[in-house]
PDB file of N, CA and C in Angstrom:
ATOM      1  N   UNK A   1       0.851  -1.165   0.000  1.00  0.00           N
ATOM      2  CA  UNK A   1       0.000   0.000   0.000  1.00  0.00           C
ATOM      3  C   UNK A   1       0.901   1.233   0.000  1.00  0.00           C
ATOM      4  N   UNK A   2       0.618   2.125  -0.908  1.00  0.00           N
ATOM      5  CA  UNK A   2       1.426   3.327  -1.003  1.00  0.00           C
ATOM      6  C   UNK A   2       0.861   4.423  -0.102  1.00  0.00           C
ATOM      7  N   UNK A   3       1.672   5.405   0.125  1.00  0.00           N
ATOM      8  CA  UNK A   3       1.295   6.544   0.968  1.00  0.00           C
ATOM      9  C   UNK A   3       0.137   7.317   0.350  1.00  0.00           C
ATOM     10  N   UNK A   4       0.156   7.461  -0.971  1.00  0.00           N
ATOM     11  CA  UNK A   4      -0.893   8.204  -1.666  1.00  0.00           C
ATOM     12  C   UNK A   4      -2.240   7.495  -1.556  1.00  0.00           C
ATOM     13  N   UNK A   5      -2.266   6.195  -1.714  1.00  0.00           N
ATOM     14  CA  UNK A   5      -3.535   5.472  -1.610  1.00  0.00           C
ATOM     15  C   UNK A   5      -4.048   5.482  -0.170  1.00  0.00           C
ATOM     16  N   UNK A   6      -3.142   5.455   0.799  1.00  0.00           N
ATOM     17  CA  UNK A   6      -3.545   5.541   2.201  1.00  0.00           C
ATOM     18  C   UNK A   6      -4.231   6.872   2.478  1.00  0.00           C
ATOM     19  N   UNK A   7      -3.671   7.959   1.966  1.00  0.00           N
ATOM     20  CA  UNK A   7      -4.259   9.277   2.162  1.00  0.00           C
ATOM     21  C   UNK A   7      -5.597   9.408   1.440  1.00  0.00           C
ATOM     22  N   UNK A   8      -5.708   8.834   0.258  1.00  0.00           N
ATOM     23  CA  UNK A   8      -6.955   8.911  -0.493  1.00  0.00           C
ATOM     24  C   UNK A   8      -8.077   8.164   0.219  1.00  0.00           C
ATOM     25  N   UNK A   9      -7.772   7.001   0.789  1.00  0.00           N
ATOM     26  CA  UNK A   9      -8.799   6.216   1.460  1.00  0.00           C
ATOM     27  C   UNK A   9      -9.212   6.813   2.801  1.00  0.00           C
ATOM     28  N   UNK A  10      -8.310   7.522   3.464  1.00  0.00           N
ATOM     29  CA  UNK A  10      -8.591   8.038   4.795  1.00  0.00           C
ATOM     30  C   UNK A  10      -8.747   9.550   4.846  1.00  0.00           C
ATOM     31  N   UNK A  11      -8.952  10.183   3.704  1.00  0.00           N
ATOM     32  CA  UNK A  11      -9.069  11.632   3.668  1.00  0.00           C
ATOM     33  C   UNK A  11     -10.249  12.123   4.510  1.00  0.00           C
ATOM     34  N   UNK A  12     -11.374  11.442   4.430  1.00  0.00           N
ATOM     35  CA  UNK A  12     -12.555  11.842   5.183  1.00  0.00           C
ATOM     36  C   UNK A  12     -12.307  11.831   6.681  1.00  0.00           C
ATOM     37  N   UNK A  13     -11.639  10.791   7.163  1.00  0.00           N
ATOM     38  CA  UNK A  13     -11.336  10.702   8.588  1.00  0.00           C
ATOM     39  C   UNK A  13     -10.409  11.844   9.015  1.00  0.00           C
ATOM     40  N   UNK A  14      -9.361  12.097   8.232  1.00  0.00           N
ATOM     41  CA  UNK A  14      -8.451  13.195   8.557  1.00  0.00           C
ATOM     42  C   UNK A  14      -9.176  14.533   8.556  1.00  0.00           C
ATOM     43  N   UNK A  15     -10.078  14.715   7.613  1.00  0.00           N
ATOM     44  CA  UNK A  15     -10.831  15.963   7.502  1.00  0.00           C
ATOM     45  C   UNK A  15     -11.711  16.182   8.729  1.00  0.00           C
ATOM     46  N   UNK A  16     -12.469  15.159   9.123  1.00  0.00           N
ATOM     47  CA  UNK A  16     -13.367  15.302  10.260  1.00  0.00           C
ATOM     48  C   UNK A  16     -12.618  15.431  11.579  1.00  0.00           C
ATOM     49  N   UNK A  17     -11.508  14.722  11.728  1.00  0.00           N
ATOM     50  CA  UNK A  17     -10.710  14.866  12.949  1.00  0.00           C
ATOM     51  C   UNK A  17     -10.134  16.276  13.029  1.00  0.00           C
ATOM     52  N   UNK A  18      -9.665  16.810  11.905  1.00  0.00           N
ATOM     53  CA  UNK A  18      -9.143  18.179  11.887  1.00  0.00           C
ATOM     54  C   UNK A  18     -10.236  19.182  12.228  1.00  0.00           C
ATOM     55  N   UNK A  19     -11.431  19.000  11.678  1.00  0.00           N
ATOM     56  CA  UNK A  19     -12.551  19.874  12.042  1.00  0.00           C
ATOM     57  C   UNK A  19     -12.864  19.776  13.533  1.00  0.00           C
ATOM     58  N   UNK A  20     -12.786  18.574  14.073  1.00  0.00           N
ATOM     59  CA  UNK A  20     -13.027  18.389  15.504  1.00  0.00           C
ATOM     60  C   UNK A  20     -11.970  19.063  16.357  1.00  0.00           C
ATOM     61  N   UNK A  21     -10.716  18.995  15.927  1.00  0.00           N
ATOM     62  CA  UNK A  21      -9.641  19.662  16.662  1.00  0.00           C
ATOM     63  C   UNK A  21      -9.856  21.170  16.686  1.00  0.00           C
ATOM     64  N   UNK A  22     -10.220  21.717  15.548  1.00  0.00           N
ATOM     65  CA  UNK A  22     -10.474  23.160  15.461  1.00  0.00           C
ATOM     66  C   UNK A  22     -11.684  23.536  16.314  1.00  0.00           C
ATOM     67  N   UNK A  23     -12.747  22.734  16.234  1.00  0.00           N
ATOM     68  CA  UNK A  23     -13.947  23.020  17.024  1.00  0.00           C
ATOM     69  C   UNK A  23     -13.662  22.917  18.518  1.00  0.00           C
ATOM     70  N   UNK A  24     -12.832  21.950  18.914  1.00  0.00           N
ATOM     71  CA  UNK A  24     -12.464  21.828  20.326  1.00  0.00           C
ATOM     72  C   UNK A  24     -11.701  23.039  20.823  1.00  0.00           C
ATOM     73  N   UNK A  25     -10.798  23.552  20.012  1.00  0.00           N
ATOM     74  CA  UNK A  25     -10.061  24.750  20.406  1.00  0.00           C
ATOM     75  C   UNK A  25     -10.981  25.963  20.484  1.00  0.00           C
ATOM     76  N   UNK A  26     -11.861  26.100  19.502  1.00  0.00           N
ATOM     77  CA  UNK A  26     -12.783  27.234  19.518  1.00  0.00           C
ATOM     78  C   UNK A  26     -13.741  27.154  20.706  1.00  0.00           C
ATOM     79  N   UNK A  27     -14.146  25.956  21.060  1.00  0.00           N
ATOM     80  CA  UNK A  27     -14.997  25.793  22.229  1.00  0.00           C
ATOM     81  C   UNK A  27     -14.252  26.207  23.491  1.00  0.00           C
ATOM     82  N   UNK A  28     -12.993  25.808  23.606  1.00  0.00           N
ATOM     83  CA  UNK A  28     -12.182  26.209  24.758  1.00  0.00           C
ATOM     84  C   UNK A  28     -12.020  27.722  24.809  1.00  0.00           C
ATOM     85  N   UNK A  29     -11.753  28.325  23.670  1.00  0.00           N
ATOM     86  CA  UNK A  29     -11.464  29.755  23.631  1.00  0.00           C
ATOM     87  C   UNK A  29     -12.692  30.611  23.911  1.00  0.00           C
ATOM     88  N   UNK A  30     -13.841  30.271  23.325  1.00  0.00           N
ATOM     89  CA  UNK A  30     -15.004  31.136  23.420  1.00  0.00           C
ATOM     90  C   UNK A  30     -16.029  30.707  24.469  1.00  0.00           C
ATOM     91  N   UNK A  31     -16.117  29.437  24.800  1.00  0.00           N
ATOM     92  CA  UNK A  31     -17.061  28.982  25.808  1.00  0.00           C
ATOM     93  C   UNK A  31     -16.312  28.690  27.100  1.00  0.00           C
ATOM     94  N   UNK A  32     -15.388  27.723  27.021  1.00  0.00           N
ATOM     95  CA  UNK A  32     -14.490  27.432  28.126  1.00  0.00           C
ATOM     96  C   UNK A  32     -15.157  27.174  29.457  1.00  0.00           C
ATOM     97  N   UNK A  33     -14.393  27.418  30.501  1.00  0.00           N
ATOM     98  CA  UNK A  33     -14.852  27.201  31.866  1.00  0.00           C
ATOM     99  C   UNK A  33     -14.323  28.351  32.711  1.00  0.00           C
ATOM    100  N   UNK A  34     -15.209  29.135  33.272  1.00  0.00           N
ATOM    101  CA  UNK A  34     -14.810  30.322  34.026  1.00  0.00           C
ATOM    102  C   UNK A  34     -14.124  29.950  35.328  1.00  0.00           C
ATOM    103  N   UNK A  35     -14.646  28.966  36.039  1.00  0.00           N
ATOM    104  CA  UNK A  35     -14.103  28.633  37.360  1.00  0.00           C
ATOM    105  C   UNK A  35     -12.812  27.827  37.291  1.00  0.00           C
ATOM    106  N   UNK A  36     -12.554  27.141  36.177  1.00  0.00           N
ATOM    107  CA  UNK A  36     -11.344  26.333  36.043  1.00  0.00           C
ATOM    108  C   UNK A  36     -11.474  24.936  36.602  1.00  0.00           C
ATOM    109  N   UNK A  37     -12.660  24.535  37.030  1.00  0.00           N
ATOM    110  CA  UNK A  37     -12.856  23.211  37.608  1.00  0.00           C
ATOM    111  C   UNK A  37     -13.413  22.199  36.614  1.00  0.00           C
ATOM    112  N   UNK A  38     -13.726  22.628  35.417  1.00  0.00           N
ATOM    113  CA  UNK A  38     -14.260  21.712  34.409  1.00  0.00           C
ATOM    114  C   UNK A  38     -13.121  20.831  33.885  1.00  0.00           C
ATOM    115  N   UNK A  39     -13.388  19.546  33.809  1.00  0.00           N
ATOM    116  CA  UNK A  39     -12.325  18.602  33.448  1.00  0.00           C
ATOM    117  C   UNK A  39     -11.870  18.741  32.005  1.00  0.00           C
ATOM    118  N   UNK A  40     -12.786  18.998  31.101  1.00  0.00           N
ATOM    119  CA  UNK A  40     -12.431  19.034  29.680  1.00  0.00           C
ATOM    120  C   UNK A  40     -12.133  20.446  29.213  1.00  0.00           C
ATOM    121  N   UNK A  41     -12.986  21.390  29.531  1.00  0.00           N
ATOM    122  CA  UNK A  41     -12.865  22.719  28.945  1.00  0.00           C
ATOM    123  C   UNK A  41     -11.920  23.643  29.692  1.00  0.00           C
ATOM    124  N   UNK A  42     -11.401  23.249  30.851  1.00  0.00           N
ATOM    125  CA  UNK A  42     -10.457  24.101  31.566  1.00  0.00           C
ATOM    126  C   UNK A  42      -9.056  24.013  30.978  1.00  0.00           C
ATOM    127  N   UNK A  43      -8.762  22.932  30.280  1.00  0.00           N
ATOM    128  CA  UNK A  43      -7.436  22.696  29.717  1.00  0.00           C
ATOM    129  C   UNK A  43      -7.549  22.692  28.192  1.00  0.00           C
ATOM    130  N   UNK A  44      -6.767  23.528  27.489  1.00  0.00           N
ATOM    131  CA  UNK A  44      -6.904  23.563  26.024  1.00  0.00           C
ATOM    132  C   UNK A  44      -6.516  22.255  25.344  1.00  0.00           C
ATOM    133  N   UNK A  45      -5.549  21.540  25.890  1.00  0.00           N
ATOM    134  CA  UNK A  45      -5.121  20.277  25.267  1.00  0.00           C
ATOM    135  C   UNK A  45      -6.240  19.243  25.358  1.00  0.00           C
ATOM    136  N   UNK A  46      -6.868  19.140  26.524  1.00  0.00           N
ATOM    137  CA  UNK A  46      -7.965  18.186  26.676  1.00  0.00           C
ATOM    138  C   UNK A  46      -9.146  18.557  25.786  1.00  0.00           C
ATOM    139  N   UNK A  47      -9.419  19.830  25.675  1.00  0.00           N
ATOM    140  CA  UNK A  47     -10.537  20.281  24.846  1.00  0.00           C
ATOM    141  C   UNK A  47     -10.292  19.963  23.371  1.00  0.00           C
ATOM    142  N   UNK A  48      -9.070  20.184  22.906  1.00  0.00           N
ATOM    143  CA  UNK A  48      -8.726  19.903  21.510  1.00  0.00           C
ATOM    144  C   UNK A  48      -8.755  18.400  21.243  1.00  0.00           C
ATOM    145  N   UNK A  49      -8.213  17.601  22.152  1.00  0.00           N
ATOM    146  CA  UNK A  49      -8.230  16.147  21.969  1.00  0.00           C
ATOM    147  C   UNK A  49      -9.661  15.601  21.980  1.00  0.00           C
ATOM    148  N   UNK A  50     -10.478  16.110  22.866  1.00  0.00           N
ATOM    149  CA  UNK A  50     -11.873  15.691  22.931  1.00  0.00           C
ATOM    150  C   UNK A  50     -12.599  16.042  21.630  1.00  0.00           C
ATOM    151  N   UNK A  51     -12.328  17.220  21.097  1.00  0.00           N
ATOM    152  CA  UNK A  51     -12.930  17.618  19.821  1.00  0.00           C
ATOM    153  C   UNK A  51     -12.481  16.721  18.685  1.00  0.00           C
ATOM    154  N   UNK A  52     -11.204  16.338  18.667  1.00  0.00           N
ATOM    155  CA  UNK A  52     -10.701  15.437  17.631  1.00  0.00           C
ATOM    156  C   UNK A  52     -11.345  14.062  17.703  1.00  0.00           C
ATOM    157  N   UNK A  53     -11.523  13.571  18.915  1.00  0.00           N
ATOM    158  CA  UNK A  53     -12.173  12.263  19.094  1.00  0.00           C
ATOM    159  C   UNK A  53     -13.624  12.330  18.626  1.00  0.00           C
ATOM    160  N   UNK A  54     -14.301  13.403  18.985  1.00  0.00           N
ATOM    161  CA  UNK A  54     -15.692  13.549  18.534  1.00  0.00           C
ATOM    162  C   UNK A  54     -15.778  13.693  17.016  1.00  0.00           C
ATOM    163  N   UNK A  55     -14.808  14.358  16.399  1.00  0.00           N
ATOM    164  CA  UNK A  55     -14.780  14.454  14.944  1.00  0.00           C
ATOM    165  C   UNK A  55     -14.623  13.098  14.289  1.00  0.00           C
ATOM    166  N   UNK A  56     -13.746  12.266  14.846  1.00  0.00           N
ATOM    167  CA  UNK A  56     -13.568  10.914  14.316  1.00  0.00           C
ATOM    168  C   UNK A  56     -14.811  10.061  14.488  1.00  0.00           C
ATOM    169  N   UNK A  57     -15.470  10.179  15.643  1.00  0.00           N
ATOM    170  CA  UNK A  57     -16.701   9.428  15.867  1.00  0.00           C
ATOM    171  C   UNK A  57     -17.810   9.897  14.936  1.00  0.00           C
ATOM    172  N   UNK A  58     -17.885  11.192  14.717  1.00  0.00           N
ATOM    173  CA  UNK A  58     -18.885  11.729  13.800  1.00  0.00           C
ATOM    174  C   UNK A  58     -18.655  11.198  12.382  1.00  0.00           C
ATOM    175  N   UNK A  59     -17.396  11.121  11.954  1.00  0.00           N
ATOM    176  CA  UNK A  59     -17.087  10.554  10.634  1.00  0.00           C
ATOM    177  C   UNK A  59     -17.530   9.104  10.552  1.00  0.00           C
ATOM    178  N   UNK A  60     -17.302   8.337  11.607  1.00  0.00           N
ATOM    179  CA  UNK A  60     -17.713   6.933  11.603  1.00  0.00           C
ATOM    180  C   UNK A  60     -19.221   6.791  11.489  1.00  0.00           C
ATOM    181  N   UNK A  61     -19.951   7.648  12.187  1.00  0.00           N
ATOM    182  CA  UNK A  61     -21.408   7.589  12.130  1.00  0.00           C
ATOM    183  C   UNK A  61     -21.909   7.958  10.735  1.00  0.00           C
ATOM    184  N   UNK A  62     -21.362   9.029  10.181  1.00  0.00           N
ATOM    185  CA  UNK A  62     -21.780   9.476   8.847  1.00  0.00           C
ATOM    186  C   UNK A  62     -21.461   8.402   7.808  1.00  0.00           C
ATOM    187  N   UNK A  63     -20.299   7.807   7.899  1.00  0.00           N
ATOM    188  CA  UNK A  63     -19.909   6.760   6.951  1.00  0.00           C
ATOM    189  C   UNK A  63     -20.838   5.559   7.068  1.00  0.00           C
ATOM    190  N   UNK A  64     -21.149   5.176   8.305  1.00  0.00           N
ATOM    191  CA  UNK A  64     -22.009   4.019   8.527  1.00  0.00           C
ATOM    192  C   UNK A  64     -23.420   4.259   8.009  1.00  0.00           C
ATOM    193  N   UNK A  65     -23.884   5.485   8.064  1.00  0.00           N
ATOM    194  CA  UNK A  65     -25.241   5.787   7.604  1.00  0.00           C
ATOM    195  C   UNK A  65     -25.302   5.876   6.083  1.00  0.00           C
ATOM    196  N   UNK A  66     -24.355   6.578   5.470  1.00  0.00           N
ATOM    197  CA  UNK A  66     -24.494   6.905   4.051  1.00  0.00           C
ATOM    198  C   UNK A  66     -23.851   5.908   3.093  1.00  0.00           C
ATOM    199  N   UNK A  67     -22.844   5.195   3.466  1.00  0.00           N
ATOM    200  CA  UNK A  67     -22.221   4.240   2.535  1.00  0.00           C
ATOM    201  C   UNK A  67     -23.159   3.080   2.205  1.00  0.00           C
ATOM    202  N   UNK A  68     -23.804   2.452   3.181  1.00  0.00           N
ATOM    203  CA  UNK A  68     -24.723   1.374   2.795  1.00  0.00           C
ATOM    204  C   UNK A  68     -25.883   1.840   1.922  1.00  0.00           C
ATOM    205  N   UNK A  69     -26.373   3.061   2.128  1.00  0.00           N
ATOM    206  CA  UNK A  69     -27.459   3.574   1.293  1.00  0.00           C
ATOM    207  C   UNK A  69     -27.030   3.705  -0.155  1.00  0.00           C
ATOM    208  N   UNK A  70     -25.839   4.201  -0.402  1.00  0.00           N
ATOM    209  CA  UNK A  70     -25.382   4.364  -1.778  1.00  0.00           C
ATOM    210  C   UNK A  70     -25.154   3.005  -2.439  1.00  0.00           C
ATOM    211  N   UNK A  71     -24.717   2.014  -1.681  1.00  0.00           N
ATOM    212  CA  UNK A  71     -24.547   0.683  -2.261  1.00  0.00           C
ATOM    213  C   UNK A  71     -25.890   0.065  -2.610  1.00  0.00           C
ATOM    214  N   UNK A  72     -26.910   0.303  -1.798  1.00  0.00           N
ATOM    215  CA  UNK A  72     -28.229  -0.241  -2.095  1.00  0.00           C
ATOM    216  C   UNK A  72     -28.826   0.377  -3.346  1.00  0.00           C
ATOM    217  N   UNK A  73     -28.575   1.655  -3.590  1.00  0.00           N
ATOM    218  CA  UNK A  73     -29.084   2.309  -4.786  1.00  0.00           C
ATOM    219  C   UNK A  73     -28.480   1.707  -6.046  1.00  0.00           C
ATOM    220  N   UNK A  74     -27.197   1.370  -5.990  1.00  0.00           N
ATOM    221  CA  UNK A  74     -26.544   0.760  -7.160  1.00  0.00           C
ATOM    222  C   UNK A  74     -27.033  -0.655  -7.398  1.00  0.00           C
ATOM    223  N   UNK A  75     -27.416  -1.357  -6.345  1.00  0.00           N
ATOM    224  CA  UNK A  75     -27.900  -2.724  -6.527  1.00  0.00           C
ATOM    225  C   UNK A  75     -29.310  -2.768  -7.104  1.00  0.00           C
ATOM    226  N   UNK A  76     -30.105  -1.737  -6.854  1.00  0.00           N
ATOM    227  CA  UNK A  76     -31.484  -1.714  -7.352  1.00  0.00           C
ATOM    228  C   UNK A  76     -31.563  -1.475  -8.853  1.00  0.00           C
ATOM    229  N   UNK A  77     -30.568  -0.881  -9.460  1.00  0.00           N
ATOM    230  CA  UNK A  77     -30.624  -0.536 -10.881  1.00  0.00           C
ATOM    231  C   UNK A  77     -30.503  -1.726 -11.773  1.00  0.00           C
TER     232      UNK A  77
END
């Protein structure tokens, strides 16, 4: 397996994880935790990692929902 084919097959996952990382940072910056006692939003690293994990999970859910539907449409023709 070449590096290029690996990137082509996993582009969606990288894209959603990157969006999650950005969203986690923005959540920390603009919403955050005023008192500093919140486990996730008080620390920027934890907030960014949590956002990345949620981005990856969101990609898995979207893939699981939409890929089987597109395969069923091709089988009906």
